[in-house]
C-alpha atoms as a PDB file:
ATOM      1  CA  UNK A   1     150.898  77.785  76.985  1.00  0.00           C
ATOM      2  CA  UNK A   2     152.120  75.706  74.023  1.00  0.00           C
ATOM      3  CA  UNK A   3     155.740  74.540  74.331  1.00  0.00           C
ATOM      4  CA  UNK A   4     157.631  73.617  71.113  1.00  0.00           C
ATOM      5  CA  UNK A   5     159.773  70.566  71.831  1.00  0.00           C
ATOM      6  CA  UNK A   6     162.855  70.217  69.514  1.00  0.00           C
ATOM      7  CA  UNK A   7     162.838  66.875  67.787  1.00  0.00           C
ATOM      8  CA  UNK A   8     166.526  66.570  68.809  1.00  0.00           C
ATOM      9  CA  UNK A   9     165.635  66.446  72.535  1.00  0.00           C
ATOM     10  CA  UNK A  10     166.571  63.073  73.827  1.00  0.00           C
ATOM     11  CA  UNK A  11     163.288  62.792  75.591  1.00  0.00           C
ATOM     12  CA  UNK A  12     161.282  64.136  72.654  1.00  0.00           C
ATOM     13  CA  UNK A  13     158.549  61.568  72.369  1.00  0.00           C
ATOM     14  CA  UNK A  14     158.084  61.370  76.157  1.00  0.00           C
ATOM     15  CA  UNK A  15     157.652  65.136  76.440  1.00  0.00           C
ATOM     16  CA  UNK A  16     155.343  65.266  73.471  1.00  0.00           C
ATOM     17  CA  UNK A  17     152.963  62.905  75.014  1.00  0.00           C
ATOM     18  CA  UNK A  18     153.281  64.602  78.401  1.00  0.00           C
ATOM     19  CA  UNK A  19     152.252  67.903  76.680  1.00  0.00           C
ATOM     20  CA  UNK A  20     149.191  66.226  74.995  1.00  0.00           C
ATOM     21  CA  UNK A  21     148.005  65.228  78.569  1.00  0.00           C
ATOM     22  CA  UNK A  22     148.625  68.654  79.829  1.00  0.00           C
ATOM     23  CA  UNK A  23     146.754  70.187  76.861  1.00  0.00           C
ATOM     24  CA  UNK A  24     143.906  67.805  77.565  1.00  0.00           C
ATOM     25  CA  UNK A  25     143.727  69.160  81.046  1.00  0.00           C
ATOM     26  CA  UNK A  26     143.709  72.819  79.961  1.00  0.00           C
ATOM     27  CA  UNK A  27     140.816  71.802  77.467  1.00  0.00           C
ATOM     28  CA  UNK A  28     138.881  70.251  80.295  1.00  0.00           C
ATOM     29  CA  UNK A  29     138.675  66.570  79.492  1.00  0.00           C
ATOM     30  CA  UNK A  30     141.739  65.392  81.428  1.00  0.00           C
ATOM     31  CA  UNK A  31     141.626  65.651  85.246  1.00  0.00           C
ATOM     32  CA  UNK A  32     144.538  66.469  87.512  1.00  0.00           C
ATOM     33  CA  UNK A  33     144.558  62.864  88.772  1.00  0.00           C
ATOM     34  CA  UNK A  34     145.107  61.827  85.047  1.00  0.00           C
ATOM     35  CA  UNK A  35     148.433  63.632  85.073  1.00  0.00           C
ATOM     36  CA  UNK A  36     149.431  61.785  88.191  1.00  0.00           C
ATOM     37  CA  UNK A  37     148.442  58.522  86.517  1.00  0.00           C
ATOM     38  CA  UNK A  38     150.513  59.394  83.404  1.00  0.00           C
ATOM     39  CA  UNK A  39     153.621  60.151  85.428  1.00  0.00           C
ATOM     40  CA  UNK A  40     153.317  56.855  87.294  1.00  0.00           C
ATOM     41  CA  UNK A  41     153.156  55.068  84.051  1.00  0.00           C
ATOM     42  CA  UNK A  42     156.183  56.868  82.617  1.00  0.00           C
ATOM     43  CA  UNK A  43     158.283  55.407  85.579  1.00  0.00           C
ATOM     44  CA  UNK A  44     157.406  51.936  84.563  1.00  0.00           C
ATOM     45  CA  UNK A  45     157.992  52.730  80.991  1.00  0.00           C
ATOM     46  CA  UNK A  46     161.462  53.895  81.730  1.00  0.00           C
ATOM     47  CA  UNK A  47     162.072  50.560  83.535  1.00  0.00           C
ATOM     48  CA  UNK A  48     160.864  48.634  80.435  1.00  0.00           C
ATOM     49  CA  UNK A  49     163.314  50.622  78.197  1.00  0.00           C
ATOM     50  CA  UNK A  50     160.424  52.483  76.542  1.00  0.00           C
ATOM     51  CA  UNK A  51     159.864  49.803  74.086  1.00  0.00           C
ATOM     52  CA  UNK A  52     157.328  47.061  73.347  1.00  0.00           C
ATOM     53  CA  UNK A  53     159.016  44.008  74.946  1.00  0.00           C
ATOM     54  CA  UNK A  54     158.260  40.418  73.570  1.00  0.00           C
ATOM     55  CA  UNK A  55     155.784  39.671  76.290  1.00  0.00           C
ATOM     56  CA  UNK A  56     153.765  42.770  75.608  1.00  0.00           C
ATOM     57  CA  UNK A  57     153.588  41.790  71.831  1.00  0.00           C
ATOM     58  CA  UNK A  58     152.380  38.345  72.705  1.00  0.00           C
ATOM     59  CA  UNK A  59     149.594  39.880  74.676  1.00  0.00           C
ATOM     60  CA  UNK A  60     148.781  42.217  71.981  1.00  0.00           C
ATOM     61  CA  UNK A  61     148.421  39.514  69.416  1.00  0.00           C
ATOM     62  CA  UNK A  62     146.099  37.565  71.774  1.00  0.00           C
ATOM     63  CA  UNK A  63     144.082  40.780  72.468  1.00  0.00           C
ATOM     64  CA  UNK A  64     143.510  41.461  68.706  1.00  0.00           C
ATOM     65  CA  UNK A  65     142.506  37.817  67.987  1.00  0.00           C
ATOM     66  CA  UNK A  66     139.924  38.029  70.880  1.00  0.00           C
ATOM     67  CA  UNK A  67     138.511  41.267  69.794  1.00  0.00           C
ATOM     68  CA  UNK A  68     138.030  39.781  66.301  1.00  0.00           C
ATOM     69  CA  UNK A  69     136.348  36.760  67.798  1.00  0.00           C
ATOM     70  CA  UNK A  70     134.027  38.613  70.017  1.00  0.00           C
ATOM     71  CA  UNK A  71     130.376  39.321  69.284  1.00  0.00           C
ATOM     72  CA  UNK A  72     130.056  42.444  71.300  1.00  0.00           C
ATOM     73  CA  UNK A  73     133.656  43.912  71.862  1.00  0.00           C
ATOM     74  CA  UNK A  74     133.915  47.432  73.404  1.00  0.00           C
ATOM     75  CA  UNK A  75     136.855  49.779  73.778  1.00  0.00           C
ATOM     76  CA  UNK A  76     136.468  52.005  76.928  1.00  0.00           C
ATOM     77  CA  UNK A  77     137.862  55.625  76.673  1.00  0.00           C
ATOM     78  CA  UNK A  78     138.802  57.991  79.563  1.00  0.00           C
ATOM     79  CA  UNK A  79     140.455  61.333  79.300  1.00  0.00           C
ATOM     80  CA  UNK A  80     144.018  60.201  79.029  1.00  0.00           C
ATOM     81  CA  UNK A  81     143.157  57.876  76.188  1.00  0.00           C
ATOM     82  CA  UNK A  82     141.329  60.623  74.320  1.00  0.00           C
ATOM     83  CA  UNK A  83     144.438  62.867  74.729  1.00  0.00           C
ATOM     84  CA  UNK A  84     147.061  60.361  73.612  1.00  0.00           C
ATOM     85  CA  UNK A  85     145.590  58.018  71.057  1.00  0.00           C
ATOM     86  CA  UNK A  86     142.002  59.133  69.833  1.00  0.00           C
ATOM     87  CA  UNK A  87     142.615  58.251  66.215  1.00  0.00           C
ATOM     88  CA  UNK A  88     144.072  54.920  67.015  1.00  0.00           C
ATOM     89  CA  UNK A  89     141.113  53.953  69.173  1.00  0.00           C
ATOM     90  CA  UNK A  90     138.733  54.785  66.170  1.00  0.00           C
ATOM     91  CA  UNK A  91     140.934  52.826  63.761  1.00  0.00           C
ATOM     92  CA  UNK A  92     141.117  49.764  66.098  1.00  0.00           C
ATOM     93  CA  UNK A  93     137.345  49.930  66.558  1.00  0.00           C
ATOM     94  CA  UNK A  94     136.764  49.952  62.801  1.00  0.00           C
ATOM     95  CA  UNK A  95     138.994  46.912  62.189  1.00  0.00           C
ATOM     96  CA  UNK A  96     137.636  44.796  64.965  1.00  0.00           C
ATOM     97  CA  UNK A  97     134.003  45.870  64.977  1.00  0.00           C
ATOM     98  CA  UNK A  98     134.227  47.194  68.519  1.00  0.00           C
ATOM     99  CA  UNK A  99     131.971  49.892  70.036  1.00  0.00           C
ATOM    100  CA  UNK A 100     133.644  52.847  71.536  1.00  0.00           C
ATOM    101  CA  UNK A 101     132.314  54.013  75.006  1.00  0.00           C
ATOM    102  CA  UNK A 102     133.246  56.898  77.284  1.00  0.00           C
ATOM    103  CA  UNK A 103     133.690  55.720  80.903  1.00  0.00           C
ATOM    104  CA  UNK A 104     135.015  58.112  83.554  1.00  0.00           C
ATOM    105  CA  UNK A 105     135.721  57.871  87.266  1.00  0.00           C
ATOM    106  CA  UNK A 106     135.503  61.674  87.519  1.00  0.00           C
ATOM    107  CA  UNK A 107     132.475  62.026  85.358  1.00  0.00           C
ATOM    108  CA  UNK A 108     130.870  65.158  84.293  1.00  0.00           C
ATOM    109  CA  UNK A 109     128.630  65.789  81.332  1.00  0.00           C
ATOM    110  CA  UNK A 110     131.113  68.409  79.955  1.00  0.00           C
ATOM    111  CA  UNK A 111     133.946  65.756  79.955  1.00  0.00           C
ATOM    112  CA  UNK A 112     131.865  63.175  78.320  1.00  0.00           C
ATOM    113  CA  UNK A 113     130.921  65.525  75.525  1.00  0.00           C
ATOM    114  CA  UNK A 114     134.496  66.744  74.948  1.00  0.00           C
ATOM    115  CA  UNK A 115     135.908  63.310  74.808  1.00  0.00           C
ATOM    116  CA  UNK A 116     133.081  62.234  72.450  1.00  0.00           C
ATOM    117  CA  UNK A 117     133.711  65.341  70.249  1.00  0.00           C
ATOM    118  CA  UNK A 118     137.494  64.417  70.005  1.00  0.00           C
ATOM    119  CA  UNK A 119     136.629  60.843  69.040  1.00  0.00           C
ATOM    120  CA  UNK A 120     134.224  62.109  66.318  1.00  0.00           C
ATOM    121  CA  UNK A 121     136.797  64.458  64.979  1.00  0.00           C
ATOM    122  CA  UNK A 122     139.033  61.468  64.491  1.00  0.00           C
ATOM    123  CA  UNK A 123     136.395  59.531  62.543  1.00  0.00           C
ATOM    124  CA  UNK A 124     134.193  57.761  65.111  1.00  0.00           C
ATOM    125  CA  UNK A 125     130.678  57.464  63.793  1.00  0.00           C
ATOM    126  CA  UNK A 126     129.169  56.461  67.135  1.00  0.00           C
ATOM    127  CA  UNK A 127     130.358  57.123  70.623  1.00  0.00           C
ATOM    128  CA  UNK A 128     128.506  55.474  73.480  1.00  0.00           C
ATOM    129  CA  UNK A 129     128.234  56.318  77.190  1.00  0.00           C
ATOM    130  CA  UNK A 130     127.575  60.037  76.934  1.00  0.00           C
ATOM    131  CA  UNK A 131     124.674  61.527  78.848  1.00  0.00           C
ATOM    132  CA  UNK A 132     121.403  59.736  78.799  1.00  0.00           C
ATOM    133  CA  UNK A 133     123.113  56.878  76.874  1.00  0.00           C
ATOM    134  CA  UNK A 134     124.785  55.637  79.999  1.00  0.00           C
ATOM    135  CA  UNK A 135     121.419  54.329  80.999  1.00  0.00           C
ATOM    136  CA  UNK A 136     122.449  51.145  82.908  1.00  0.00           C
ATOM    137  CA  UNK A 137     124.278  50.648  86.271  1.00  0.00           C
ATOM    138  CA  UNK A 138     126.829  48.151  87.290  1.00  0.00           C
ATOM    139  CA  UNK A 139     125.600  47.667  90.977  1.00  0.00           C
ATOM    140  CA  UNK A 140     129.001  46.331  92.261  1.00  0.00           C
ATOM    141  CA  UNK A 141     130.534  49.765  91.707  1.00  0.00           C
ATOM    142  CA  UNK A 142     130.026  52.757  93.850  1.00  0.00           C
ATOM    143  CA  UNK A 143     131.888  55.336  91.602  1.00  0.00           C
ATOM    144  CA  UNK A 144     130.548  57.081  88.519  1.00  0.00           C
ATOM    145  CA  UNK A 145     132.204  54.380  86.469  1.00  0.00           C
ATOM    146  CA  UNK A 146     129.138  52.219  87.335  1.00  0.00           C
ATOM    147  CA  UNK A 147     127.168  54.090  84.658  1.00  0.00           C
ATOM    148  CA  UNK A 148     127.427  52.289  81.301  1.00  0.00           C
ATOM    149  CA  UNK A 149     125.597  51.900  78.107  1.00  0.00           C
ATOM    150  CA  UNK A 150     122.945  49.336  77.483  1.00  0.00           C
ATOM    151  CA  UNK A 151     124.252  49.180  73.903  1.00  0.00           C
ATOM    152  CA  UNK A 152     127.943  48.986  74.888  1.00  0.00           C
ATOM    153  CA  UNK A 153     129.753  47.746  78.027  1.00  0.00           C
ATOM    154  CA  UNK A 154     126.519  46.403  79.729  1.00  0.00           C
ATOM    155  CA  UNK A 155     126.088  43.882  76.959  1.00  0.00           C
ATOM    156  CA  UNK A 156     129.755  43.464  76.071  1.00  0.00           C
ATOM    157  CA  UNK A 157     131.407  40.002  75.977  1.00  0.00           C
ATOM    158  CA  UNK A 158     134.978  41.606  75.781  1.00  0.00           C
ATOM    159  CA  UNK A 159     135.966  44.942  77.072  1.00  0.00           C
ATOM    160  CA  UNK A 160     139.376  46.626  76.273  1.00  0.00           C
ATOM    161  CA  UNK A 161     140.099  48.861  79.299  1.00  0.00           C
ATOM    162  CA  UNK A 162     143.279  50.914  78.746  1.00  0.00           C
ATOM    163  CA  UNK A 163     144.624  52.978  81.555  1.00  0.00           C
ATOM    164  CA  UNK A 164     142.058  51.544  83.947  1.00  0.00           C
ATOM    165  CA  UNK A 165     141.305  51.456  87.703  1.00  0.00           C
ATOM    166  CA  UNK A 166     141.195  48.056  89.505  1.00  0.00           C
ATOM    167  CA  UNK A 167     137.773  48.374  90.946  1.00  0.00           C
ATOM    168  CA  UNK A 168     135.940  48.375  87.624  1.00  0.00           C
ATOM    169  CA  UNK A 169     138.143  45.753  86.183  1.00  0.00           C
ATOM    170  CA  UNK A 170     137.331  43.437  89.086  1.00  0.00           C
ATOM    171  CA  UNK A 171     133.603  44.239  88.669  1.00  0.00           C
ATOM    172  CA  UNK A 172     133.534  43.643  85.112  1.00  0.00           C
ATOM    173  CA  UNK A 173     135.289  40.350  85.543  1.00  0.00           C
ATOM    174  CA  UNK A 174     132.702  39.281  88.034  1.00  0.00           C
ATOM    175  CA  UNK A 175     130.038  40.028  85.510  1.00  0.00           C
ATOM    176  CA  UNK A 176     131.592  37.540  83.143  1.00  0.00           C
ATOM    177  CA  UNK A 177     133.325  39.970  80.804  1.00  0.00           C
ATOM    178  CA  UNK A 178     136.582  39.038  79.134  1.00  0.00           C
ATOM    179  CA  UNK A 179     138.910  41.745  80.189  1.00  0.00           C
ATOM    180  CA  UNK A 180     141.814  43.155  78.104  1.00  0.00           C
ATOM    181  CA  UNK A 181     143.915  45.697  79.893  1.00  0.00           C
ATOM    182  CA  UNK A 182     146.760  48.040  78.711  1.00  0.00           C
ATOM    183  CA  UNK A 183     148.703  48.826  81.990  1.00  0.00           C
ATOM    184  CA  UNK A 184     152.396  49.635  82.330  1.00  0.00           C
ATOM    185  CA  UNK A 185     152.258  48.432  85.929  1.00  0.00           C
ATOM    186  CA  UNK A 186     152.190  44.532  85.953  1.00  0.00           C
ATOM    187  CA  UNK A 187     151.507  44.520  89.739  1.00  0.00           C
ATOM    188  CA  UNK A 188     148.241  46.584  89.538  1.00  0.00           C
ATOM    189  CA  UNK A 189     144.948  45.126  90.350  1.00  0.00           C
ATOM    190  CA  UNK A 190     143.808  45.726  86.828  1.00  0.00           C
ATOM    191  CA  UNK A 191     146.785  43.923  85.471  1.00  0.00           C
ATOM    192  CA  UNK A 192     146.421  40.937  87.816  1.00  0.00           C
ATOM    193  CA  UNK A 193     142.691  40.450  87.328  1.00  0.00           C
ATOM    194  CA  UNK A 194     142.580  40.967  83.366  1.00  0.00           C
ATOM    195  CA  UNK A 195     142.386  37.927  80.982  1.00  0.00           C
ATOM    196  CA  UNK A 196     144.999  39.620  78.819  1.00  0.00           C
ATOM    197  CA  UNK A 197     147.320  42.198  80.255  1.00  0.00           C
ATOM    198  CA  UNK A 198     149.324  44.312  77.832  1.00  0.00           C
ATOM    199  CA  UNK A 199     152.285  45.734  79.808  1.00  0.00           C
ATOM    200  CA  UNK A 200     153.034  48.393  77.219  1.00  0.00           C
ATOM    201  CA  UNK A 201     152.658  52.117  76.667  1.00  0.00           C
ATOM    202  CA  UNK A 202     149.348  52.692  74.992  1.00  0.00           C
ATOM    203  CA  UNK A 203     150.974  55.001  72.411  1.00  0.00           C
ATOM    204  CA  UNK A 204     152.898  51.802  71.186  1.00  0.00           C
ATOM    205  CA  UNK A 205     150.299  49.139  72.073  1.00  0.00           C
ATOM    206  CA  UNK A 206     147.526  50.642  69.896  1.00  0.00           C
ATOM    207  CA  UNK A 207     149.497  51.114  66.717  1.00  0.00           C
ATOM    208  CA  UNK A 208     150.911  47.645  67.129  1.00  0.00           C
ATOM    209  CA  UNK A 209     147.282  46.281  67.556  1.00  0.00           C
ATOM    210  CA  UNK A 210     146.109  48.138  64.494  1.00  0.00           C
ATOM    211  CA  UNK A 211     148.764  46.498  62.429  1.00  0.00           C
ATOM    212  CA  UNK A 212     147.916  43.080  63.855  1.00  0.00           C
ATOM    213  CA  UNK A 213     144.250  43.653  63.207  1.00  0.00           C
ATOM    214  CA  UNK A 214     144.922  44.558  59.523  1.00  0.00           C
ATOM    215  CA  UNK A 215     146.752  41.137  59.303  1.00  0.00           C
ATOM    216  CA  UNK A 216     144.460  39.033  61.474  1.00  0.00           C
ATOM    217  CA  UNK A 217     141.135  40.271  59.797  1.00  0.00           C
ATOM    218  CA  UNK A 218     142.034  37.712  57.027  1.00  0.00           C
ATOM    219  CA  UNK A 219     142.543  34.726  59.340  1.00  0.00           C
ATOM    220  CA  UNK A 220     139.841  32.056  59.766  1.00  0.00           C
ATOM    221  CA  UNK A 221     138.137  31.635  63.217  1.00  0.00           C
ATOM    222  CA  UNK A 222     139.987  28.535  64.099  1.00  0.00           C
ATOM    223  CA  UNK A 223     143.380  30.257  63.594  1.00  0.00           C
ATOM    224  CA  UNK A 224     142.246  33.152  65.890  1.00  0.00           C
ATOM    225  CA  UNK A 225     141.076  30.800  68.526  1.00  0.00           C
ATOM    226  CA  UNK A 226     144.407  29.138  68.496  1.00  0.00           C
ATOM    227  CA  UNK A 227     146.042  32.454  69.158  1.00  0.00           C
ATOM    228  CA  UNK A 228     143.868  33.086  72.164  1.00  0.00           C
ATOM    229  CA  UNK A 229     143.955  29.579  73.589  1.00  0.00           C
ATOM    230  CA  UNK A 230     147.701  29.423  73.446  1.00  0.00           C
ATOM    231  CA  UNK A 231     148.066  32.645  75.553  1.00  0.00           C
ATOM    232  CA  UNK A 232     148.729  32.303  79.317  1.00  0.00           C
ATOM    233  CA  UNK A 233     148.319  35.714  81.040  1.00  0.00           C
ATOM    234  CA  UNK A 234     149.845  34.428  84.368  1.00  0.00           C
ATOM    235  CA  UNK A 235     152.889  33.279  82.590  1.00  0.00           C
ATOM    236  CA  UNK A 236     153.209  36.502  80.677  1.00  0.00           C
ATOM    237  CA  UNK A 237     152.946  38.604  83.790  1.00  0.00           C
ATOM    238  CA  UNK A 238     155.628  36.302  85.431  1.00  0.00           C
ATOM    239  CA  UNK A 239     157.885  36.850  82.390  1.00  0.00           C
ATOM    240  CA  UNK A 240     157.468  40.664  82.487  1.00  0.00           C
ATOM    241  CA  UNK A 241     158.328  40.670  86.110  1.00  0.00           C
ATOM    242  CA  UNK A 242     161.472  38.715  85.413  1.00  0.00           C
ATOM    243  CA  UNK A 243     162.299  40.950  82.574  1.00  0.00           C
ATOM    244  CA  UNK A 244     162.127  43.911  84.997  1.00  0.00           C
ATOM    245  CA  UNK A 245     164.178  42.197  87.501  1.00  0.00           C
ATOM    246  CA  UNK A 246     166.893  41.263  85.085  1.00  0.00           C
ATOM    247  CA  UNK A 247     166.907  44.682  83.435  1.00  0.00           C
ATOM    248  CA  UNK A 248     167.271  46.487  86.706  1.00  0.00           C
ATOM    249  CA  UNK A 249     170.125  44.109  87.533  1.00  0.00           C
ATOM    250  CA  UNK A 250     171.921  44.846  84.338  1.00  0.00           C
ATOM    251  CA  UNK A 251     171.556  48.618  84.884  1.00  0.00           C
ATOM    252  CA  UNK A 252     172.659  48.500  88.445  1.00  0.00           C
ATOM    253  CA  UNK A 253     175.786  46.650  87.145  1.00  0.00           C
ATOM    254  CA  UNK A 254     176.643  49.331  84.543  1.00  0.00           C
END
């Protein structure tokens, strides 16, 4: 059932993205657990004021610079990402030279194919991690996320893992990968283990990163390296937590 949401509704954008997730479930590439994860993220987004805070934008700048500096960057895609920002994933990959790879906790061939098809319909020339292309294994993992492409995540130096689970983030970090996470929960294992944590809604983060990439693509390597080297993820996460504390205090006092 398709529900038309009036643009005058005060929660228009939030409800629109919610419907995209539900549509993805009915089409078979989003799992029920993905709906739960989306709702959990919405709670943190409300606390943040449903906007990109300064700390998130700083992380987005460092993330784009790192992707541009990397030799083998990869953007990992699951069902929720495919439902919310497929075109943005493709555009960011084009600008940064990143590969796109499907990687799923609840993995089935049908889901892989459907997600890959969505990405191709949005312009992706190549989508890794589907079927036999997931030909290597991350031994540290017991879940289906252990299956990766030898042309993608397996050889990647930098992996962008939006809407991620902590187990794989930790495993990839142990393998020496540079991890960029997009996670609205600054206390999650993923957020804590990542090298760059973007505490922002993915529907804002990726458009921001696309604009930054269009600008940064003209920078020389030294300028990009300075952006990355001046970034401190622990300090950013501390500032995010202080922002949440202060915002909740302000709201409680109203």
